[in-house]
Structure formats: C-alpha cells, structure tokens
Protein backbone atom coordinates (compact mmCIF):
# COMPACT_ATOMS: atom_id res chain seq x y z
CA MET A 1 173.49 131.55 93.68
CA ILE A 2 174.95 134.90 94.63
CA TYR A 3 177.71 133.12 96.53
CA TYR A 4 178.46 131.00 93.45
CA LEU A 5 178.63 134.12 91.27
CA SER A 6 181.03 135.68 93.78
CA LEU A 7 183.40 132.75 93.19
CA TRP A 8 183.52 133.48 89.46
CA TYR A 9 183.13 137.21 88.90
CA PRO A 10 185.54 139.97 89.95
CA GLU A 11 184.00 142.92 91.79
CA ALA A 12 183.81 145.09 88.69
CA GLN A 13 181.58 142.58 86.87
CA ARG A 14 179.81 140.95 89.83
CA ALA A 15 176.99 143.48 90.17
CA ARG A 16 176.09 143.11 86.50
CA ALA A 17 176.05 139.29 86.78
CA ILE A 18 173.86 139.39 89.91
CA ALA A 19 171.52 141.90 88.26
CA ALA A 20 171.16 139.62 85.22
CA PHE A 21 170.37 136.68 87.50
CA MET A 22 167.82 138.67 89.51
CA THR A 23 166.21 140.02 86.34
CA ALA A 24 165.64 136.45 85.17
CA VAL A 25 163.09 135.90 87.98
CA PRO A 26 160.43 138.38 86.77
CA VAL A 27 161.22 137.62 83.12
CA SER A 28 160.55 133.95 83.77
CA GLY A 29 157.18 134.89 85.25
CA VAL A 30 156.28 137.00 82.24
CA ILE A 31 157.21 134.21 79.82
CA GLY A 32 156.25 131.24 82.01
CA GLY A 33 152.75 132.41 82.94
CA PRO A 34 151.30 132.50 79.43
CA LEU A 35 153.28 129.40 78.46
CA SER A 36 151.86 127.50 81.42
CA GLY A 37 148.34 128.60 80.52
CA ALA A 38 148.82 127.39 76.97
CA LEU A 39 150.17 124.05 78.16
CA LEU A 40 147.21 123.55 80.48
CA SER A 41 144.93 123.87 77.43
CA LEU A 42 146.48 120.68 76.00
CA ASN A 43 144.15 118.74 78.29
CA GLY A 44 143.30 115.32 76.84
CA ILE A 45 145.87 115.26 74.02
CA CYS A 46 147.63 111.86 73.90
CA GLY A 47 145.71 110.84 77.00
CA LEU A 48 147.49 113.31 79.28
CA ALA A 49 145.88 115.97 81.42
CA GLY A 50 146.95 119.58 81.00
CA TRP A 51 148.90 119.57 84.24
CA GLN A 52 150.82 116.51 83.06
CA TRP A 53 151.79 118.32 79.85
CA LEU A 54 152.88 121.25 82.00
CA PHE A 55 155.13 119.04 84.14
CA LEU A 56 156.62 117.28 81.11
CA ILE A 57 157.31 120.27 78.89
CA GLU A 58 158.48 122.62 81.63
CA GLY A 59 160.27 119.94 83.65
CA LEU A 60 162.33 118.22 80.96
CA PRO A 61 164.46 121.26 80.04
CA ALA A 62 165.17 121.91 83.72
CA ILE A 63 166.26 118.30 84.26
CA LEU A 64 168.42 118.26 81.13
CA LEU A 65 170.04 121.58 81.98
CA GLY A 66 170.63 120.38 85.55
CA VAL A 67 172.48 117.30 84.32
CA ILE A 68 174.54 119.34 81.86
CA VAL A 69 175.44 121.87 84.55
CA LEU A 70 176.35 119.08 86.97
CA PHE A 71 179.00 117.74 84.60
CA TYR A 72 180.04 120.93 82.79
CA LEU A 73 180.27 123.68 85.42
CA THR A 74 182.87 123.53 88.14
CA ASP A 75 182.82 124.97 91.62
CA ARG A 76 185.75 127.29 91.11
CA PRO A 77 187.68 128.81 88.20
CA GLU A 78 190.77 126.78 89.15
CA GLU A 79 188.98 123.62 87.96
CA ALA A 80 187.43 125.03 84.78
CA ARG A 81 188.75 123.05 81.82
CA TRP A 82 186.76 125.18 79.40
CA LEU A 83 188.79 128.32 80.21
CA THR A 84 192.08 128.88 78.47
CA PRO A 85 195.08 128.61 80.84
CA ALA A 86 195.76 132.34 80.51
CA ASP A 87 192.12 133.28 81.26
CA ARG A 88 192.01 130.83 84.16
CA GLN A 89 195.21 132.21 85.67
CA TRP A 90 194.08 135.82 85.27
CA LEU A 91 190.70 135.12 86.90
CA VAL A 92 192.17 133.10 89.77
CA SER A 93 194.79 135.75 90.55
CA LYS A 94 192.26 138.61 90.27
CA LEU A 95 189.82 136.89 92.64
CA ALA A 96 192.61 135.96 95.10
CA THR A 97 193.83 139.56 95.17
CA GLU A 98 190.30 140.85 95.81
CA ARG A 99 189.71 138.32 98.62
CA ALA A 100 193.03 139.22 100.27
CA THR A 101 192.21 142.93 100.08
CA CYS A 102 188.74 142.36 101.50
CA THR A 103 190.02 140.14 104.32
CA ALA A 104 192.66 142.72 105.25
CA ALA A 105 190.09 145.52 105.27
CA HIS A 106 187.41 143.55 107.16
CA PRO A 107 189.07 140.94 109.40
CA ILE A 108 185.93 139.36 110.82
CA GLY A 109 185.28 135.64 111.08
CA THR A 110 182.10 133.73 110.32
CA PHE A 111 181.12 133.26 113.95
CA ALA A 112 181.78 136.92 114.74
CA ALA A 113 179.58 137.92 111.81
CA LEU A 114 176.79 135.62 113.02
CA ALA A 115 177.02 137.19 116.48
CA ASN A 116 176.61 140.67 115.02
CA PRO A 117 173.18 142.17 115.92
CA THR A 118 172.92 143.91 112.55
CA VAL A 119 173.13 140.57 110.74
CA TRP A 120 170.30 139.22 112.89
CA GLN A 121 168.18 142.34 112.36
CA LEU A 122 168.58 142.13 108.58
CA GLY A 123 167.85 138.41 108.66
CA ILE A 124 164.65 138.95 110.65
CA ILE A 125 163.57 141.73 108.29
CA PHE A 126 164.11 139.43 105.31
CA LEU A 127 162.23 136.60 107.04
CA LEU A 128 159.25 138.83 107.83
CA ALA A 129 159.19 140.19 104.27
CA ALA A 130 159.25 136.66 102.86
CA ILE A 131 156.48 135.53 105.22
CA GLY A 132 154.36 138.51 104.19
CA PHE A 133 154.97 137.97 100.49
CA TYR A 134 154.31 134.24 100.50
CA GLY A 135 151.40 134.58 102.91
CA TYR A 136 149.70 137.06 100.64
CA SER A 137 150.53 135.03 97.53
CA PHE A 138 149.00 131.87 98.97
CA TRP A 139 145.96 133.75 100.17
CA ALA A 140 145.46 135.50 96.84
CA LEU A 141 145.99 132.41 94.70
CA ILE A 142 144.62 129.54 96.74
CA ILE A 143 142.27 130.73 99.46
CA LYS A 144 140.68 133.46 97.38
CA SER A 145 140.09 131.05 94.48
CA LEU A 146 138.16 128.72 96.79
CA THR A 147 135.61 131.41 97.69
C-alpha cells in the first residue's frame, strides 16, 4: 500500500497520506472490536449464527468497496480519468521530477539494493518483530482461552 501511495503522492504530501493509512489500523480495531462483539450477539436471528452475521455485515462492505476500487482507481495518475487534465499533468510532472532527482542522487538498482547487508538486517528485524507479535497474539487469544 505504501508503494501505491508513492505512485500518487508527491514527497511533501506522502508522509501525511502514509500516516493516515497507518492510523486507520488501530482505529479499525477500536471501532471493529465492539462492532464485532455486537454482531456476535445476533446469534439465532433469521436462523443465522452470530459468526455468520459477522461475516455478512463486515464482509459485504469490503467486497463492494473492493469491486468499486477495482474499476474506479487506476494504477498511476496518467490513467486517472477522474482527474482534470491540468491536475493530471501537474501530478505526473511533479512525480517524474521527484523520481529523476531521487535516481540521480541514489543510482542503485534493485538487485544491488537486495544485495545490501543493511536491507537484509532490517528485513530480518522486521520478520522477528512480526513473529514475536503474532506469536504472542495467537498465544494470548487462542491458547490462553483454551486453558
């Protein structure tokens, strides 16, 4: 998602867009947790179990939004029909200028970046943090609830 945002936002606005996206994760937990609990209490209504209500009510908006996004959003600003020609041209030229400046300042290819030890160290740190987080989450939610 961050890569996709980098295709659409100039540097000056990119951090704000990424911060808004990242903020949506905890906000969705704050809103989704109580909502999920309330939906689970619909057990037996219309012959559906609570978990079935949860899947239906929380799944349908995601599916509908996914279909809308599939047809409405484009991969790059050059293809965006919903932007005015002037806005599209400004955004395309601004992003092209920034990419050219970045490439000139940091002329490193993809394979060279993947061979960089710092990239591997950061990747391993992220992997270990994710394993620790998900390991604890599964233990706290599933294993601990069984005892």
